[in-house]
Protein backbone atom coordinates (compact mmCIF):
# COMPACT_ATOMS: atom_id res chain seq x y z
CA UNK A 1 84.21 82.10 -15.99
CA UNK A 2 83.70 83.04 -19.32
CA UNK A 3 81.38 80.35 -20.97
CA UNK A 4 80.60 82.28 -24.60
CA UNK A 5 81.60 80.81 -27.58
CA UNK A 6 82.95 82.60 -29.85
CA UNK A 7 83.84 81.64 -34.14
CA UNK A 8 87.65 80.81 -34.24
CA UNK A 9 88.82 83.46 -35.92
CA UNK A 10 90.85 82.53 -39.25
CA UNK A 11 94.23 81.25 -39.76
CA UNK A 12 96.85 83.86 -40.65
CA UNK A 13 97.82 80.77 -43.12
CA UNK A 14 94.72 80.54 -44.61
CA UNK A 15 95.07 82.28 -48.17
CA UNK A 16 92.01 83.34 -50.36
CA UNK A 17 92.62 80.44 -52.82
CA UNK A 18 92.29 77.91 -49.88
CA UNK A 19 89.07 79.08 -49.12
CA UNK A 20 87.51 78.85 -52.36
CA UNK A 21 85.30 76.00 -53.21
CA UNK A 22 87.30 73.40 -55.66
CA UNK A 23 86.67 73.55 -59.35
CA UNK A 24 87.08 71.04 -62.10
CA UNK A 25 90.45 71.46 -64.32
CA UNK A 26 89.82 75.21 -66.33
CA UNK A 27 90.53 72.80 -69.76
CA UNK A 28 87.52 70.52 -68.59
CA UNK A 29 85.43 73.95 -67.50
CA UNK A 30 86.50 75.58 -72.00
CA UNK A 31 85.14 72.40 -73.35
CA UNK A 32 81.67 72.33 -71.17
CA UNK A 33 81.82 75.95 -72.13
CA UNK A 34 81.32 75.60 -75.77
CA UNK A 35 79.14 72.97 -75.32
CA UNK A 36 76.32 74.84 -73.49
CA UNK A 37 73.63 75.88 -75.39
CA UNK A 38 73.59 79.49 -76.80
CA UNK A 39 71.44 82.64 -75.63
CA UNK A 40 69.37 82.50 -78.36
CA UNK A 41 68.54 78.57 -77.74
CA UNK A 42 68.22 79.09 -74.18
CA UNK A 43 65.78 81.79 -74.63
CA UNK A 44 63.38 80.11 -77.33
CA UNK A 45 63.35 76.46 -74.92
CA UNK A 46 62.68 78.95 -72.00
CA UNK A 47 59.71 80.18 -74.02
CA UNK A 48 58.83 76.59 -74.61
CA UNK A 49 58.20 75.72 -71.29
CA UNK A 50 56.95 78.64 -70.57
CA UNK A 51 53.90 78.17 -73.17
CA UNK A 52 53.56 75.28 -71.07
CA UNK A 53 53.28 77.14 -67.63
CA UNK A 54 49.66 76.86 -68.58
CA UNK A 55 46.87 74.85 -67.33
CA UNK A 56 44.64 75.66 -69.63
CA UNK A 57 47.19 75.69 -72.58
CA UNK A 58 48.07 72.16 -71.14
CA UNK A 59 45.30 70.63 -71.28
CA UNK A 60 44.95 71.70 -74.97
CA UNK A 61 48.33 70.38 -75.87
CA UNK A 62 46.67 66.96 -74.01
CA UNK A 63 43.63 66.88 -76.03
CA UNK A 64 45.19 67.80 -79.50
CA UNK A 65 47.94 64.75 -78.14
CA UNK A 66 44.74 62.66 -78.99
CA UNK A 67 43.04 64.47 -81.70
CA UNK A 68 42.49 66.73 -84.65
CA UNK A 69 39.91 69.27 -83.36
CA UNK A 70 38.54 71.87 -84.39
CA UNK A 71 37.85 75.25 -82.46
CA UNK A 72 34.46 74.43 -81.13
CA UNK A 73 35.54 71.03 -80.22
CA UNK A 74 37.99 72.42 -77.70
CA UNK A 75 36.23 74.57 -76.42
CA UNK A 76 33.31 71.75 -75.40
CA UNK A 77 35.53 69.28 -74.54
CA UNK A 78 37.38 71.57 -71.88
CA UNK A 79 34.61 73.96 -70.88
CA UNK A 80 36.27 77.29 -72.44
CA UNK A 81 34.53 79.61 -74.52
CA UNK A 82 35.71 79.89 -78.34
CA UNK A 83 37.66 83.11 -77.87
CA UNK A 84 39.23 81.42 -74.79
CA UNK A 85 40.63 78.89 -77.26
CA UNK A 86 41.16 80.78 -79.82
CA UNK A 87 43.34 82.84 -78.21
CA UNK A 88 45.39 79.95 -76.61
CA UNK A 89 45.65 78.79 -80.21
CA UNK A 90 47.05 81.75 -81.68
CA UNK A 91 49.93 81.54 -79.26
CA UNK A 92 50.44 78.36 -79.16
CA UNK A 93 50.58 78.82 -83.49
CA UNK A 94 53.13 81.66 -82.42
CA UNK A 95 55.40 79.55 -80.57
CA UNK A 96 54.89 75.94 -83.21
CA UNK A 97 53.66 73.97 -80.71
CA UNK A 98 50.20 73.29 -83.26
CA UNK A 99 49.62 74.17 -86.36
CA UNK A 100 46.30 73.67 -88.17
CA UNK A 101 44.89 72.69 -91.71
CA UNK A 102 41.30 73.59 -93.52
CA UNK A 103 39.29 70.61 -93.65
CA UNK A 104 36.40 72.28 -96.01
CA UNK A 105 34.80 75.19 -94.10
CA UNK A 106 36.32 73.71 -90.49
CA UNK A 107 39.95 74.44 -89.23
CA UNK A 108 41.54 71.56 -87.30
CA UNK A 109 44.34 71.76 -85.14
CA UNK A 110 47.11 69.66 -83.64
CA UNK A 111 50.22 69.14 -82.56
CA UNK A 112 53.00 71.21 -84.58
CA UNK A 113 54.95 67.58 -85.05
CA UNK A 114 56.40 64.65 -83.09
CA UNK A 115 58.58 66.41 -80.94
CA UNK A 116 56.04 68.35 -79.11
CA UNK A 117 53.99 65.31 -78.53
CA UNK A 118 57.77 63.71 -76.70
CA UNK A 119 57.88 66.18 -74.64
CA UNK A 120 54.79 66.68 -74.05
CA UNK A 121 54.52 62.73 -72.49
CA UNK A 122 57.75 62.86 -71.29
CA UNK A 123 57.11 65.50 -69.13
CA UNK A 124 53.51 63.40 -68.30
CA UNK A 125 55.99 60.38 -67.27
CA UNK A 126 58.23 63.16 -64.90
CA UNK A 127 55.09 63.74 -63.46
CA UNK A 128 53.24 60.43 -62.62
CA UNK A 129 56.78 58.97 -61.66
CA UNK A 130 56.37 61.17 -58.43
CA UNK A 131 52.83 61.29 -57.90
CA UNK A 132 51.31 57.88 -59.50
CA UNK A 133 48.67 58.28 -62.97
CA UNK A 134 46.85 61.09 -63.61
CA UNK A 135 43.75 60.42 -65.62
CA UNK A 136 40.43 61.78 -66.45
CA UNK A 137 39.45 61.09 -62.69
CA UNK A 138 41.36 64.02 -61.62
CA UNK A 139 39.99 66.62 -63.69
């Protein structure tokens, strides 16, 4: 007696359409398609999240979310060289995540606007929601 099992063959009545996954109406898909962000906006958003994907930049944004700081203060606070901080600030400025202002001979850096602060805080809320509070103890 043969005890090997074989997969059932397709039934002769099966059509290609019957095997396709269920889908919403084409009208609903058209409305959804029209409401999706465009390629340019998607690329810009991806670049923003890419910039936020670096630990050093996240730490810099954290510090700048709390206070305006100059390059030297950021470097000392984060344990980085001024050159490394300047490099990261150039990138963050080009992404419009931070901006600067002159204060005499000093250049002070801050988050560019409230959108960046909200984005940063919501990201942190998301992390804390799933892993518990994060703080200075973890640094």
